[in-house]
Amino acid sequence: MSTRKVPKKLGVEALLEKSEPVSIQEITLQDWYAAFALINMTKDANTYQEIAATAWEISDAMMEERNRRM
């Protein structure tokens, strides 16, 4: 068992929740398509929620087309 001392975070850093990053092995093909759909979308959307919803709609369409062609 390690007895390494972890430094205590101070100020704003103490308030921020740190989540573990997603491993590349956990990323799905649809995640990949959604990420690429985000490129250059910010100029055409009003909110981040709109951008996210549109990216997932595009990735859904890409997955459907992929399945149709396979």
Protein backbone atom coordinates (compact mmCIF):
# COMPACT_ATOMS: atom_id res chain seq x y z
CA MET A 1 0.00 0.00 0.00
CA SER A 2 1.34 3.39 -1.02
CA THR A 3 1.77 6.09 1.57
CA ARG A 4 2.49 8.77 -1.00
CA LYS A 5 1.08 12.09 0.12
CA VAL A 6 -1.26 13.76 -2.38
CA PRO A 7 -1.04 17.56 -2.27
CA LYS A 8 -4.26 19.26 -1.19
CA LYS A 9 -5.80 21.48 -3.86
CA LEU A 10 -6.40 25.08 -2.95
CA GLY A 11 -8.68 27.83 -4.21
CA VAL A 12 -10.74 27.25 -7.35
CA GLU A 13 -8.89 24.01 -8.10
CA ALA A 14 -10.39 22.51 -4.95
CA LEU A 15 -13.90 23.21 -6.28
CA LEU A 16 -13.46 21.71 -9.74
CA GLU A 17 -14.46 18.08 -10.17
CA LYS A 18 -11.84 16.09 -12.02
CA SER A 19 -13.12 13.17 -14.04
CA GLU A 20 -10.99 10.47 -15.55
CA PRO A 21 -10.36 11.06 -19.25
CA VAL A 22 -12.04 8.71 -21.70
CA SER A 23 -9.64 6.13 -23.00
CA ILE A 24 -9.25 5.92 -26.77
CA GLN A 25 -10.34 2.27 -26.48
CA GLU A 26 -13.73 3.47 -25.16
CA ILE A 27 -14.47 5.79 -28.08
CA THR A 28 -17.04 4.38 -30.48
CA LEU A 29 -17.26 4.94 -34.21
CA GLN A 30 -20.29 7.14 -33.57
CA ASP A 31 -18.26 9.23 -31.10
CA TRP A 32 -15.66 9.64 -33.83
CA TYR A 33 -18.28 10.70 -36.40
CA ALA A 34 -19.83 13.16 -33.92
CA ALA A 35 -16.44 14.69 -33.22
CA PHE A 36 -15.80 15.28 -36.90
CA ALA A 37 -19.31 16.67 -37.36
CA LEU A 38 -18.43 19.37 -34.81
CA ILE A 39 -15.75 20.85 -37.05
CA ASN A 40 -16.85 24.31 -38.24
CA MET A 41 -20.33 23.97 -36.70
CA THR A 42 -19.96 26.72 -34.11
CA LYS A 43 -20.46 29.51 -36.63
CA ASP A 44 -23.94 28.23 -37.61
CA ALA A 45 -25.42 27.50 -34.17
CA ASN A 46 -26.82 29.65 -31.41
CA THR A 47 -26.07 27.49 -28.36
CA TYR A 48 -23.73 24.70 -27.34
CA GLN A 49 -26.79 22.49 -26.83
CA GLU A 50 -27.80 23.10 -30.44
CA ILE A 51 -24.29 22.29 -31.63
CA ALA A 52 -24.21 19.04 -29.62
CA ALA A 53 -27.67 17.96 -30.80
CA THR A 54 -26.78 18.65 -34.44
CA ALA A 55 -23.46 16.78 -34.16
CA TRP A 56 -25.24 13.67 -32.84
CA GLU A 57 -27.94 13.93 -35.54
CA ILE A 58 -25.21 14.03 -38.19
CA SER A 59 -23.40 11.09 -36.60
CA ASP A 60 -26.69 9.12 -36.51
CA ALA A 61 -27.11 9.76 -40.24
CA MET A 62 -23.50 8.72 -40.86
CA MET A 63 -24.00 5.46 -38.94
CA GLU A 64 -27.21 4.73 -40.89
CA GLU A 65 -25.44 5.34 -44.19
CA ARG A 66 -22.48 3.21 -43.10
CA ASN A 67 -24.82 0.34 -42.18
CA ARG A 68 -26.69 0.70 -45.49
CA ARG A 69 -23.46 0.40 -47.48
CA MET A 70 -22.05 -2.58 -45.60
